[in-house]
PDB file of N, CA and C in Angstrom:
ATOM      1  N   MET A   1       3.389  21.384  13.693  1.00  0.00           N
ATOM      2  CA  MET A   1       2.486  20.582  14.480  1.00  0.00           C
ATOM      3  C   MET A   1       1.213  20.567  14.137  1.00  0.00           C
ATOM      4  N   PRO A   2       0.933  19.920  13.220  1.00  0.00           N
ATOM      5  CA  PRO A   2      -0.460  19.943  12.753  1.00  0.00           C
ATOM      6  C   PRO A   2      -1.587  19.414  13.358  1.00  0.00           C
ATOM      7  N   TYR A   3      -2.846  19.783  13.258  1.00  0.00           N
ATOM      8  CA  TYR A   3      -3.889  19.375  14.292  1.00  0.00           C
ATOM      9  C   TYR A   3      -4.576  18.062  13.567  1.00  0.00           C
ATOM     10  N   VAL A   4      -5.062  17.452  14.931  1.00  0.00           N
ATOM     11  CA  VAL A   4      -5.602  16.129  14.461  1.00  0.00           C
ATOM     12  C   VAL A   4      -7.182  15.910  15.102  1.00  0.00           C
ATOM     13  N   ILE A   5      -7.912  15.306  14.462  1.00  0.00           N
ATOM     14  CA  ILE A   5      -9.232  15.011  14.957  1.00  0.00           C
ATOM     15  C   ILE A   5      -9.068  13.616  15.529  1.00  0.00           C
ATOM     16  N   ALA A   6      -9.727  13.460  16.697  1.00  0.00           N
ATOM     17  CA  ALA A   6      -9.780  12.068  17.185  1.00  0.00           C
ATOM     18  C   ALA A   6     -11.103  11.368  17.530  1.00  0.00           C
ATOM     19  N   ALA A   7     -11.370  10.392  18.140  1.00  0.00           N
ATOM     20  CA  ALA A   7     -12.422   9.775  18.321  1.00  0.00           C
ATOM     21  C   ALA A   7     -13.689  10.428  18.569  1.00  0.00           C
ATOM     22  N   PRO A   8     -13.716  11.454  19.588  1.00  0.00           N
ATOM     23  CA  PRO A   8     -15.177  11.954  20.047  1.00  0.00           C
ATOM     24  C   PRO A   8     -15.775  12.691  18.750  1.00  0.00           C
ATOM     25  N   CYS A   9     -14.961  12.750  17.592  1.00  0.00           N
ATOM     26  CA  CYS A   9     -15.781  13.071  16.200  1.00  0.00           C
ATOM     27  C   CYS A   9     -16.631  12.055  15.662  1.00  0.00           C
ATOM     28  N   ILE A  10     -16.247  10.987  16.235  1.00  0.00           N
ATOM     29  CA  ILE A  10     -16.993   9.638  15.293  1.00  0.00           C
ATOM     30  C   ILE A  10     -18.458   9.841  15.593  1.00  0.00           C
ATOM     31  N   ASP A  11     -18.953   9.794  14.365  1.00  0.00           N
ATOM     32  CA  ASP A  11     -20.527   9.844  14.535  1.00  0.00           C
ATOM     33  C   ASP A  11     -21.280  10.965  14.984  1.00  0.00           C
ATOM     34  N   VAL A  12     -20.321  12.263  15.107  1.00  0.00           N
ATOM     35  CA  VAL A  12     -20.896  13.282  15.385  1.00  0.00           C
ATOM     36  C   VAL A  12     -20.965  14.488  14.337  1.00  0.00           C
ATOM     37  N   THR A  13     -19.472  14.531  13.810  1.00  0.00           N
ATOM     38  CA  THR A  13     -19.243  15.504  12.707  1.00  0.00           C
ATOM     39  C   THR A  13     -20.132  16.786  12.760  1.00  0.00           C
ATOM     40  N   ASP A  14     -19.855  17.495  13.584  1.00  0.00           N
ATOM     41  CA  ASP A  14     -20.580  18.677  13.656  1.00  0.00           C
ATOM     42  C   ASP A  14     -20.351  19.811  12.619  1.00  0.00           C
ATOM     43  N   LYS A  15     -19.026  19.841  12.196  1.00  0.00           N
ATOM     44  CA  LYS A  15     -18.600  20.532  11.006  1.00  0.00           C
ATOM     45  C   LYS A  15     -18.287  22.012  11.499  1.00  0.00           C
ATOM     46  N   SER A  16     -18.574  22.474  12.800  1.00  0.00           N
ATOM     47  CA  SER A  16     -18.060  23.823  12.998  1.00  0.00           C
ATOM     48  C   SER A  16     -16.650  24.129  12.520  1.00  0.00           C
ATOM     49  N   CYS A  17     -15.559  23.128  12.710  1.00  0.00           N
ATOM     50  CA  CYS A  17     -14.311  23.383  12.468  1.00  0.00           C
ATOM     51  C   CYS A  17     -14.285  23.690  11.009  1.00  0.00           C
ATOM     52  N   ILE A  18     -14.895  23.017  10.207  1.00  0.00           N
ATOM     53  CA  ILE A  18     -14.819  23.249   8.619  1.00  0.00           C
ATOM     54  C   ILE A  18     -14.988  24.671   8.327  1.00  0.00           C
ATOM     55  N   GLU A  19     -16.209  25.374   9.149  1.00  0.00           N
ATOM     56  CA  GLU A  19     -16.487  26.734   8.865  1.00  0.00           C
ATOM     57  C   GLU A  19     -15.417  27.700   9.310  1.00  0.00           C
ATOM     58  N   GLU A  20     -14.581  27.280  10.350  1.00  0.00           N
ATOM     59  CA  GLU A  20     -13.606  28.043  10.840  1.00  0.00           C
ATOM     60  C   GLU A  20     -11.890  27.877  10.331  1.00  0.00           C
ATOM     61  N   CYS A  21     -12.006  26.831   9.399  1.00  0.00           N
ATOM     62  CA  CYS A  21     -10.577  26.406   8.735  1.00  0.00           C
ATOM     63  C   CYS A  21     -10.364  27.631   7.523  1.00  0.00           C
ATOM     64  N   PRO A  22      -9.318  28.432   7.947  1.00  0.00           N
ATOM     65  CA  PRO A  22      -8.984  29.453   6.533  1.00  0.00           C
ATOM     66  C   PRO A  22      -8.488  28.919   5.431  1.00  0.00           C
ATOM     67  N   VAL A  23      -7.846  27.567   5.563  1.00  0.00           N
ATOM     68  CA  VAL A  23      -7.152  26.927   4.412  1.00  0.00           C
ATOM     69  C   VAL A  23      -7.850  25.771   3.903  1.00  0.00           C
ATOM     70  N   ASP A  24      -9.083  25.366   4.150  1.00  0.00           N
ATOM     71  CA  ASP A  24     -10.032  24.311   3.871  1.00  0.00           C
ATOM     72  C   ASP A  24      -9.387  23.019   3.819  1.00  0.00           C
ATOM     73  N   CYS A  25      -8.739  22.745   4.995  1.00  0.00           N
ATOM     74  CA  CYS A  25      -7.931  21.451   5.185  1.00  0.00           C
ATOM     75  C   CYS A  25      -8.710  20.351   5.885  1.00  0.00           C
ATOM     76  N   ILE A  26      -9.871  20.749   6.172  1.00  0.00           N
ATOM     77  CA  ILE A  26     -10.629  19.577   7.015  1.00  0.00           C
ATOM     78  C   ILE A  26     -11.701  18.791   6.038  1.00  0.00           C
ATOM     79  N   TYR A  27     -11.566  17.571   5.942  1.00  0.00           N
ATOM     80  CA  TYR A  27     -12.148  16.620   4.983  1.00  0.00           C
ATOM     81  C   TYR A  27     -13.086  15.662   5.548  1.00  0.00           C
ATOM     82  N   GLU A  28     -14.182  15.431   4.927  1.00  0.00           N
ATOM     83  CA  GLU A  28     -15.237  14.686   5.320  1.00  0.00           C
ATOM     84  C   GLU A  28     -15.023  13.375   4.958  1.00  0.00           C
ATOM     85  N   GLY A  29     -15.019  12.458   6.022  1.00  0.00           N
ATOM     86  CA  GLY A  29     -15.122  10.578   5.605  1.00  0.00           C
ATOM     87  C   GLY A  29     -16.871  10.476   5.851  1.00  0.00           C
ATOM     88  N   ASP A  30     -16.756   9.281   6.374  1.00  0.00           N
ATOM     89  CA  ASP A  30     -18.319   8.880   6.409  1.00  0.00           C
ATOM     90  C   ASP A  30     -18.718   9.088   7.852  1.00  0.00           C
ATOM     91  N   ARG A  31     -17.925   8.764   8.867  1.00  0.00           N
ATOM     92  CA  ARG A  31     -17.981   8.770  10.298  1.00  0.00           C
ATOM     93  C   ARG A  31     -17.378  10.042  10.814  1.00  0.00           C
ATOM     94  N   LYS A  32     -16.431  10.552  10.102  1.00  0.00           N
ATOM     95  CA  LYS A  32     -15.500  11.237  11.065  1.00  0.00           C
ATOM     96  C   LYS A  32     -14.735  12.343   9.876  1.00  0.00           C
ATOM     97  N   LEU A  33     -14.507  13.440  10.747  1.00  0.00           N
ATOM     98  CA  LEU A  33     -13.615  14.398   9.814  1.00  0.00           C
ATOM     99  C   LEU A  33     -12.244  14.439   9.967  1.00  0.00           C
ATOM    100  N   TYR A  34     -11.279  14.601   9.008  1.00  0.00           N
ATOM    101  CA  TYR A  34      -9.990  14.531   9.051  1.00  0.00           C
ATOM    102  C   TYR A  34      -9.354  15.886   8.685  1.00  0.00           C
ATOM    103  N   ILE A  35      -8.120  16.063   9.376  1.00  0.00           N
ATOM    104  CA  ILE A  35      -7.245  17.286   8.985  1.00  0.00           C
ATOM    105  C   ILE A  35      -6.139  16.870   8.167  1.00  0.00           C
ATOM    106  N   ASN A  36      -5.946  17.360   7.053  1.00  0.00           N
ATOM    107  CA  ASN A  36      -4.978  17.156   6.059  1.00  0.00           C
ATOM    108  C   ASN A  36      -3.452  17.683   6.766  1.00  0.00           C
ATOM    109  N   PRO A  37      -2.710  16.860   7.289  1.00  0.00           N
ATOM    110  CA  PRO A  37      -1.582  17.378   7.870  1.00  0.00           C
ATOM    111  C   PRO A  37      -0.362  18.440   6.808  1.00  0.00           C
ATOM    112  N   LYS A  38      -0.590  18.010   5.693  1.00  0.00           N
ATOM    113  CA  LYS A  38       0.275  18.792   4.842  1.00  0.00           C
ATOM    114  C   LYS A  38      -0.425  20.158   4.431  1.00  0.00           C
ATOM    115  N   GLU A  39      -1.599  20.171   4.644  1.00  0.00           N
ATOM    116  CA  GLU A  39      -2.464  21.267   4.286  1.00  0.00           C
ATOM    117  C   GLU A  39      -2.414  22.252   5.382  1.00  0.00           C
ATOM    118  N   CYS A  40      -2.529  21.621   6.568  1.00  0.00           N
ATOM    119  CA  CYS A  40      -2.891  22.608   7.872  1.00  0.00           C
ATOM    120  C   CYS A  40      -1.782  23.560   8.306  1.00  0.00           C
ATOM    121  N   ILE A  41      -2.138  24.820   8.447  1.00  0.00           N
ATOM    122  CA  ILE A  41      -1.054  25.683   8.869  1.00  0.00           C
ATOM    123  C   ILE A  41      -0.925  26.053  10.069  1.00  0.00           C
ATOM    124  N   ASP A  42      -1.362  25.142  11.053  1.00  0.00           N
ATOM    125  CA  ASP A  42      -1.201  25.133  12.395  1.00  0.00           C
ATOM    126  C   ASP A  42      -1.892  26.450  13.046  1.00  0.00           C
ATOM    127  N   CYS A  43      -2.977  27.112  12.679  1.00  0.00           N
ATOM    128  CA  CYS A  43      -3.381  28.182  13.215  1.00  0.00           C
ATOM    129  C   CYS A  43      -4.244  27.774  14.551  1.00  0.00           C
ATOM    130  N   GLY A  44      -4.945  26.835  14.607  1.00  0.00           N
ATOM    131  CA  GLY A  44      -5.950  26.488  15.641  1.00  0.00           C
ATOM    132  C   GLY A  44      -7.097  27.046  15.832  1.00  0.00           C
ATOM    133  N   ALA A  45      -7.784  27.509  14.624  1.00  0.00           N
ATOM    134  CA  ALA A  45      -8.884  28.060  14.954  1.00  0.00           C
ATOM    135  C   ALA A  45     -10.026  27.073  14.923  1.00  0.00           C
ATOM    136  N   CYS A  46      -9.523  25.877  14.557  1.00  0.00           N
ATOM    137  CA  CYS A  46     -10.608  24.620  14.352  1.00  0.00           C
ATOM    138  C   CYS A  46     -10.862  24.416  15.856  1.00  0.00           C
ATOM    139  N   GLU A  47      -9.974  24.181  16.696  1.00  0.00           N
ATOM    140  CA  GLU A  47      -9.802  23.599  18.091  1.00  0.00           C
ATOM    141  C   GLU A  47     -10.956  24.148  19.073  1.00  0.00           C
ATOM    142  N   PRO A  48     -11.107  25.345  19.054  1.00  0.00           N
ATOM    143  CA  PRO A  48     -11.957  25.864  19.964  1.00  0.00           C
ATOM    144  C   PRO A  48     -13.438  25.755  19.873  1.00  0.00           C
ATOM    145  N   VAL A  49     -13.715  25.571  18.640  1.00  0.00           N
ATOM    146  CA  VAL A  49     -15.213  25.632  18.213  1.00  0.00           C
ATOM    147  C   VAL A  49     -15.758  24.263  18.203  1.00  0.00           C
ATOM    148  N   CYS A  50     -14.734  23.234  18.448  1.00  0.00           N
ATOM    149  CA  CYS A  50     -15.268  21.614  18.138  1.00  0.00           C
ATOM    150  C   CYS A  50     -16.144  21.381  19.439  1.00  0.00           C
ATOM    151  N   PRO A  51     -17.254  21.192  19.333  1.00  0.00           N
ATOM    152  CA  PRO A  51     -18.378  20.868  20.681  1.00  0.00           C
ATOM    153  C   PRO A  51     -17.737  19.693  21.257  1.00  0.00           C
ATOM    154  N   VAL A  52     -17.133  18.761  21.040  1.00  0.00           N
ATOM    155  CA  VAL A  52     -16.744  17.634  21.577  1.00  0.00           C
ATOM    156  C   VAL A  52     -15.444  17.381  22.084  1.00  0.00           C
ATOM    157  N   GLU A  53     -14.576  18.513  21.915  1.00  0.00           N
ATOM    158  CA  GLU A  53     -13.219  18.686  21.966  1.00  0.00           C
ATOM    159  C   GLU A  53     -12.155  17.672  21.586  1.00  0.00           C
ATOM    160  N   ALA A  54     -12.703  17.122  20.274  1.00  0.00           N
ATOM    161  CA  ALA A  54     -12.014  16.127  19.254  1.00  0.00           C
ATOM    162  C   ALA A  54     -10.679  16.489  18.641  1.00  0.00           C
ATOM    163  N   ILE A  55     -10.294  18.010  18.463  1.00  0.00           N
ATOM    164  CA  ILE A  55      -9.234  18.406  18.066  1.00  0.00           C
ATOM    165  C   ILE A  55      -8.126  18.765  18.916  1.00  0.00           C
ATOM    166  N   SER A  56      -7.019  18.403  18.569  1.00  0.00           N
ATOM    167  CA  SER A  56      -5.849  19.040  19.340  1.00  0.00           C
ATOM    168  C   SER A  56      -4.431  19.068  18.413  1.00  0.00           C
ATOM    169  N   GLN A  57      -3.544  19.429  18.870  1.00  0.00           N
ATOM    170  CA  GLN A  57      -2.142  19.582  18.209  1.00  0.00           C
ATOM    171  C   GLN A  57      -1.881  17.805  18.173  1.00  0.00           C
ATOM    172  N   ASP A  58      -1.283  17.622  17.206  1.00  0.00           N
ATOM    173  CA  ASP A  58      -0.690  16.068  17.061  1.00  0.00           C
ATOM    174  C   ASP A  58       0.182  15.815  18.476  1.00  0.00           C
ATOM    175  N   ARG A  59       0.847  16.726  18.987  1.00  0.00           N
ATOM    176  CA  ARG A  59       1.806  16.276  20.029  1.00  0.00           C
ATOM    177  C   ARG A  59       0.976  16.394  21.194  1.00  0.00           C
ATOM    178  N   ARG A  60      -0.339  16.839  21.280  1.00  0.00           N
ATOM    179  CA  ARG A  60      -1.043  17.130  22.435  1.00  0.00           C
ATOM    180  C   ARG A  60      -2.391  16.000  22.490  1.00  0.00           C
ATOM    181  N   VAL A  61      -2.253  15.287  21.623  1.00  0.00           N
ATOM    182  CA  VAL A  61      -3.636  14.166  21.440  1.00  0.00           C
ATOM    183  C   VAL A  61      -3.322  13.483  22.878  1.00  0.00           C
ATOM    184  N   ALA A  62      -4.616  13.201  23.717  1.00  0.00           N
ATOM    185  CA  ALA A  62      -4.587  12.485  24.667  1.00  0.00           C
ATOM    186  C   ALA A  62      -4.153  11.198  24.320  1.00  0.00           C
ATOM    187  N   THR A  63      -3.449  10.514  25.494  1.00  0.00           N
ATOM    188  CA  THR A  63      -3.036   9.143  25.364  1.00  0.00           C
ATOM    189  C   THR A  63      -3.867   8.076  24.699  1.00  0.00           C
ATOM    190  N   GLU A  64      -4.864   8.018  25.160  1.00  0.00           N
ATOM    191  CA  GLU A  64      -6.126   7.114  24.559  1.00  0.00           C
ATOM    192  C   GLU A  64      -6.410   7.176  23.275  1.00  0.00           C
ATOM    193  N   TYR A  65      -6.033   8.226  22.530  1.00  0.00           N
ATOM    194  CA  TYR A  65      -6.451   8.643  21.347  1.00  0.00           C
ATOM    195  C   TYR A  65      -5.349   8.764  20.420  1.00  0.00           C
ATOM    196  N   GLY A  66      -4.065   8.272  20.925  1.00  0.00           N
ATOM    197  CA  GLY A  66      -2.797   8.438  20.225  1.00  0.00           C
ATOM    198  C   GLY A  66      -2.676   7.616  18.802  1.00  0.00           C
ATOM    199  N   ASP A  67      -3.435   6.555  18.633  1.00  0.00           N
ATOM    200  CA  ASP A  67      -3.413   5.959  17.274  1.00  0.00           C
ATOM    201  C   ASP A  67      -4.123   7.077  16.069  1.00  0.00           C
ATOM    202  N   PHE A  68      -4.820   8.014  16.696  1.00  0.00           N
ATOM    203  CA  PHE A  68      -5.588   9.019  15.858  1.00  0.00           C
ATOM    204  C   PHE A  68      -4.591   9.770  15.055  1.00  0.00           C
ATOM    205  N   VAL A  69      -3.407  10.059  15.490  1.00  0.00           N
ATOM    206  CA  VAL A  69      -2.389  10.827  14.888  1.00  0.00           C
ATOM    207  C   VAL A  69      -2.026  10.141  13.550  1.00  0.00           C
ATOM    208  N   ALA A  70      -1.699   9.081  13.736  1.00  0.00           N
ATOM    209  CA  ALA A  70      -1.186   8.122  12.372  1.00  0.00           C
ATOM    210  C   ALA A  70      -2.371   8.022  11.409  1.00  0.00           C
ATOM    211  N   ASP A  71      -3.291   7.777  12.092  1.00  0.00           N
ATOM    212  CA  ASP A  71      -4.742   7.402  11.340  1.00  0.00           C
ATOM    213  C   ASP A  71      -5.258   8.519  10.431  1.00  0.00           C
ATOM    214  N   ASN A  72      -5.067   9.818  11.378  1.00  0.00           N
ATOM    215  CA  ASN A  72      -5.594  11.019  10.459  1.00  0.00           C
ATOM    216  C   ASN A  72      -4.573  11.307   9.093  1.00  0.00           C
ATOM    217  N   ALA A  73      -3.372  10.952   9.248  1.00  0.00           N
ATOM    218  CA  ALA A  73      -2.468  11.113   8.243  1.00  0.00           C
ATOM    219  C   ALA A  73      -2.846  10.074   7.213  1.00  0.00           C
ATOM    220  N   ALA A  74      -3.074   8.751   7.803  1.00  0.00           N
ATOM    221  CA  ALA A  74      -3.441   7.794   6.635  1.00  0.00           C
ATOM    222  C   ALA A  74      -4.438   8.162   5.706  1.00  0.00           C
ATOM    223  N   PHE A  75      -5.397   8.778   6.278  1.00  0.00           N
ATOM    224  CA  PHE A  75      -6.522   9.130   5.447  1.00  0.00           C
ATOM    225  C   PHE A  75      -6.390   9.665   4.232  1.00  0.00           C
ATOM    226  N   PHE A  76      -5.130  10.444   4.131  1.00  0.00           N
ATOM    227  CA  PHE A  76      -4.715  11.045   2.822  1.00  0.00           C
ATOM    228  C   PHE A  76      -3.453  10.215   2.095  1.00  0.00           C
ATOM    229  N   THR A  77      -2.737   9.104   2.684  1.00  0.00           N
ATOM    230  CA  THR A  77      -1.913   8.322   2.100  1.00  0.00           C
ATOM    231  C   THR A  77      -1.922   7.144   2.006  1.00  0.00           C
ATOM    232  N   VAL A  78      -3.110   6.629   2.360  1.00  0.00           N
ATOM    233  CA  VAL A  78      -3.373   5.072   2.121  1.00  0.00           C
ATOM    234  C   VAL A  78      -4.648   5.178   0.844  1.00  0.00           C
ATOM    235  N   THR A  79      -4.606   4.204   0.284  1.00  0.00           N
ATOM    236  CA  THR A  79      -6.001   3.960  -0.641  1.00  0.00           C
ATOM    237  C   THR A  79      -7.038   3.414   0.061  1.00  0.00           C
ATOM    238  N   LEU A  80      -7.959   4.293   0.249  1.00  0.00           N
ATOM    239  CA  LEU A  80      -9.425   4.106   1.203  1.00  0.00           C
ATOM    240  C   LEU A  80     -10.148   3.225   0.323  1.00  0.00           C
ATOM    241  N   PRO A  81     -11.060   2.350   0.842  1.00  0.00           N
ATOM    242  CA  PRO A  81     -11.967   1.819   0.235  1.00  0.00           C
ATOM    243  C   PRO A  81     -12.781   2.236  -0.670  1.00  0.00           C
ATOM    244  N   GLY A  82     -12.884   1.529  -1.956  1.00  0.00           N
ATOM    245  CA  GLY A  82     -13.640   2.355  -2.988  1.00  0.00           C
ATOM    246  C   GLY A  82     -12.744   3.239  -4.012  1.00  0.00           C
ATOM    247  N   ARG A  83     -11.805   3.316  -3.661  1.00  0.00           N
ATOM    248  CA  ARG A  83     -11.035   4.495  -4.377  1.00  0.00           C
ATOM    249  C   ARG A  83      -9.673   3.769  -5.177  1.00  0.00           C
ATOM    250  N   ASP A  84      -9.341   4.608  -5.998  1.00  0.00           N
ATOM    251  CA  ASP A  84      -8.183   3.936  -6.893  1.00  0.00           C
ATOM    252  C   ASP A  84      -6.698   4.291  -6.331  1.00  0.00           C
ATOM    253  N   GLU A  85      -6.789   5.314  -5.490  1.00  0.00           N
ATOM    254  CA  GLU A  85      -5.502   5.764  -5.162  1.00  0.00           C
ATOM    255  C   GLU A  85      -5.529   6.620  -3.964  1.00  0.00           C
ATOM    256  N   PRO A  86      -4.563   7.059  -3.330  1.00  0.00           N
ATOM    257  CA  PRO A  86      -4.817   7.842  -2.159  1.00  0.00           C
ATOM    258  C   PRO A  86      -5.203   9.404  -2.229  1.00  0.00           C
ATOM    259  N   LEU A  87      -5.821   9.908  -1.584  1.00  0.00           N
ATOM    260  CA  LEU A  87      -6.334  11.255  -1.753  1.00  0.00           C
ATOM    261  C   LEU A  87      -5.130  12.358  -1.902  1.00  0.00           C
ATOM    262  N   GLY A  88      -4.144  11.840  -1.192  1.00  0.00           N
ATOM    263  CA  GLY A  88      -2.955  13.174  -1.353  1.00  0.00           C
ATOM    264  C   GLY A  88      -3.445  14.288  -0.739  1.00  0.00           C
ATOM    265  N   ASN A  89      -3.011  15.360  -1.431  1.00  0.00           N
ATOM    266  CA  ASN A  89      -3.172  16.949  -1.060  1.00  0.00           C
ATOM    267  C   ASN A  89      -4.017  17.478  -2.064  1.00  0.00           C
ATOM    268  N   PRO A  90      -5.278  17.241  -2.007  1.00  0.00           N
ATOM    269  CA  PRO A  90      -6.188  17.935  -3.139  1.00  0.00           C
ATOM    270  C   PRO A  90      -6.248  19.309  -3.156  1.00  0.00           C
ATOM    271  N   GLY A  91      -5.772  20.049  -2.128  1.00  0.00           N
ATOM    272  CA  GLY A  91      -5.828  21.510  -1.973  1.00  0.00           C
ATOM    273  C   GLY A  91      -7.113  21.969  -1.704  1.00  0.00           C
ATOM    274  N   GLY A  92      -7.932  21.394  -0.996  1.00  0.00           N
ATOM    275  CA  GLY A  92      -9.275  21.933  -0.513  1.00  0.00           C
ATOM    276  C   GLY A  92     -10.442  20.970  -0.405  1.00  0.00           C
ATOM    277  N   ALA A  93     -10.869  20.687   0.721  1.00  0.00           N
ATOM    278  CA  ALA A  93     -12.077  19.845   0.794  1.00  0.00           C
ATOM    279  C   ALA A  93     -13.356  20.263   0.337  1.00  0.00           C
ATOM    280  N   ALA A  94     -13.450  21.645   0.056  1.00  0.00           N
ATOM    281  CA  ALA A  94     -14.882  22.043  -0.525  1.00  0.00           C
ATOM    282  C   ALA A  94     -14.858  21.693  -1.698  1.00  0.00           C
ATOM    283  N   GLU A  95     -13.905  21.762  -2.739  1.00  0.00           N
ATOM    284  CA  GLU A  95     -13.648  21.345  -4.198  1.00  0.00           C
ATOM    285  C   GLU A  95     -13.952  19.881  -4.237  1.00  0.00           C
ATOM    286  N   LEU A  96     -13.174  19.277  -3.286  1.00  0.00           N
ATOM    287  CA  LEU A  96     -13.272  17.646  -3.333  1.00  0.00           C
ATOM    288  C   LEU A  96     -14.897  17.222  -2.780  1.00  0.00           C
ATOM    289  N   GLY A  97     -15.404  17.590  -2.028  1.00  0.00           N
ATOM    290  CA  GLY A  97     -16.888  17.374  -1.171  1.00  0.00           C
ATOM    291  C   GLY A  97     -16.310  16.089  -0.342  1.00  0.00           C
ATOM    292  N   PRO A  98     -17.521  15.526   0.194  1.00  0.00           N
ATOM    293  CA  PRO A  98     -17.604  14.325   1.118  1.00  0.00           C
ATOM    294  C   PRO A  98     -16.685  13.182   0.308  1.00  0.00           C
ATOM    295  N   VAL A  99     -15.680  12.527   1.250  1.00  0.00           N
ATOM    296  CA  VAL A  99     -15.074  11.564   0.686  1.00  0.00           C
ATOM    297  C   VAL A  99     -15.756  10.004   0.825  1.00  0.00           C
ATOM    298  N   GLY A 100     -16.731  10.259   1.848  1.00  0.00           N
ATOM    299  CA  GLY A 100     -17.660   9.178   1.780  1.00  0.00           C
ATOM    300  C   GLY A 100     -17.269   7.874   2.444  1.00  0.00           C
ATOM    301  N   VAL A 101     -16.061   7.864   2.746  1.00  0.00           N
ATOM    302  CA  VAL A 101     -15.287   6.620   3.554  1.00  0.00           C
ATOM    303  C   VAL A 101     -14.409   6.999   4.574  1.00  0.00           C
ATOM    304  N   ASP A 102     -14.031   6.188   5.331  1.00  0.00           N
ATOM    305  CA  ASP A 102     -13.003   6.242   6.312  1.00  0.00           C
ATOM    306  C   ASP A 102     -12.193   5.221   6.520  1.00  0.00           C
ATOM    307  N   THR A 103     -10.936   5.732   6.992  1.00  0.00           N
ATOM    308  CA  THR A 103      -9.787   4.650   7.399  1.00  0.00           C
ATOM    309  C   THR A 103     -10.336   3.258   8.095  1.00  0.00           C
ATOM    310  N   GLU A 104      -9.578   2.277   7.891  1.00  0.00           N
ATOM    311  CA  GLU A 104      -9.941   0.919   8.882  1.00  0.00           C
ATOM    312  C   GLU A 104     -10.292   1.293  10.251  1.00  0.00           C
ATOM    313  N   LEU A 105      -9.401   2.131  10.891  1.00  0.00           N
ATOM    314  CA  LEU A 105      -9.440   2.451  12.350  1.00  0.00           C
ATOM    315  C   LEU A 105     -10.807   2.819  12.820  1.00  0.00           C
ATOM    316  N   VAL A 106     -11.355   4.093  12.037  1.00  0.00           N
ATOM    317  CA  VAL A 106     -12.731   4.849  12.175  1.00  0.00           C
ATOM    318  C   VAL A 106     -13.685   3.898  11.669  1.00  0.00           C
ATOM    319  N   ALA A 107     -13.669   3.342  10.531  1.00  0.00           N
ATOM    320  CA  ALA A 107     -14.676   2.520  10.133  1.00  0.00           C
ATOM    321  C   ALA A 107     -15.244   1.214  11.180  1.00  0.00           C
ATOM    322  N   GLY A 108     -14.013   0.706  11.859  1.00  0.00           N
ATOM    323  CA  GLY A 108     -14.491  -0.481  12.833  1.00  0.00           C
ATOM    324  C   GLY A 108     -14.451   0.162  14.003  1.00  0.00           C
ATOM    325  N   TYR A 109     -14.343   1.453  14.407  1.00  0.00           N
ATOM    326  CA  TYR A 109     -14.531   1.799  15.774  1.00  0.00           C
ATOM    327  C   TYR A 109     -15.807   1.844  16.300  1.00  0.00           C
ATOM    328  N   GLU A 110     -15.617   1.187  17.687  1.00  0.00           N
ATOM    329  CA  GLU A 110     -16.874   1.228  18.373  1.00  0.00           C
ATOM    330  C   GLU A 110     -16.678   2.141  19.605  1.00  0.00           C
ATOM    331  N   SER A 111     -17.608   2.850  20.089  1.00  0.00           N
ATOM    332  CA  SER A 111     -17.300   3.779  21.266  1.00  0.00           C
ATOM    333  C   SER A 111     -17.847   3.166  22.372  1.00  0.00           C
TER     334      SER A 111
END
């Protein structure tokens, strides 16, 4: 049950969750943060520190944010705009740095 970051994070990106993540699996897009489901160890350290309550387990995502479960995974499995290949499992967000782009859902999201 990996954790997912949903719509409340868009254009907020507080990054408190990044500081709490013991495995560095939270990556920075342009408008939102994304948790790599293959790297997440399901510890839950990120969830309580999110000031906008955008983080939850994939099975507990609020109904209105259901699309963000697949979208969070897609950030790592589809080729994002301006990139030559999918991110895959880079093994750590700090070394990769900000990705600077988002999935189609997030890029076009209007709150």
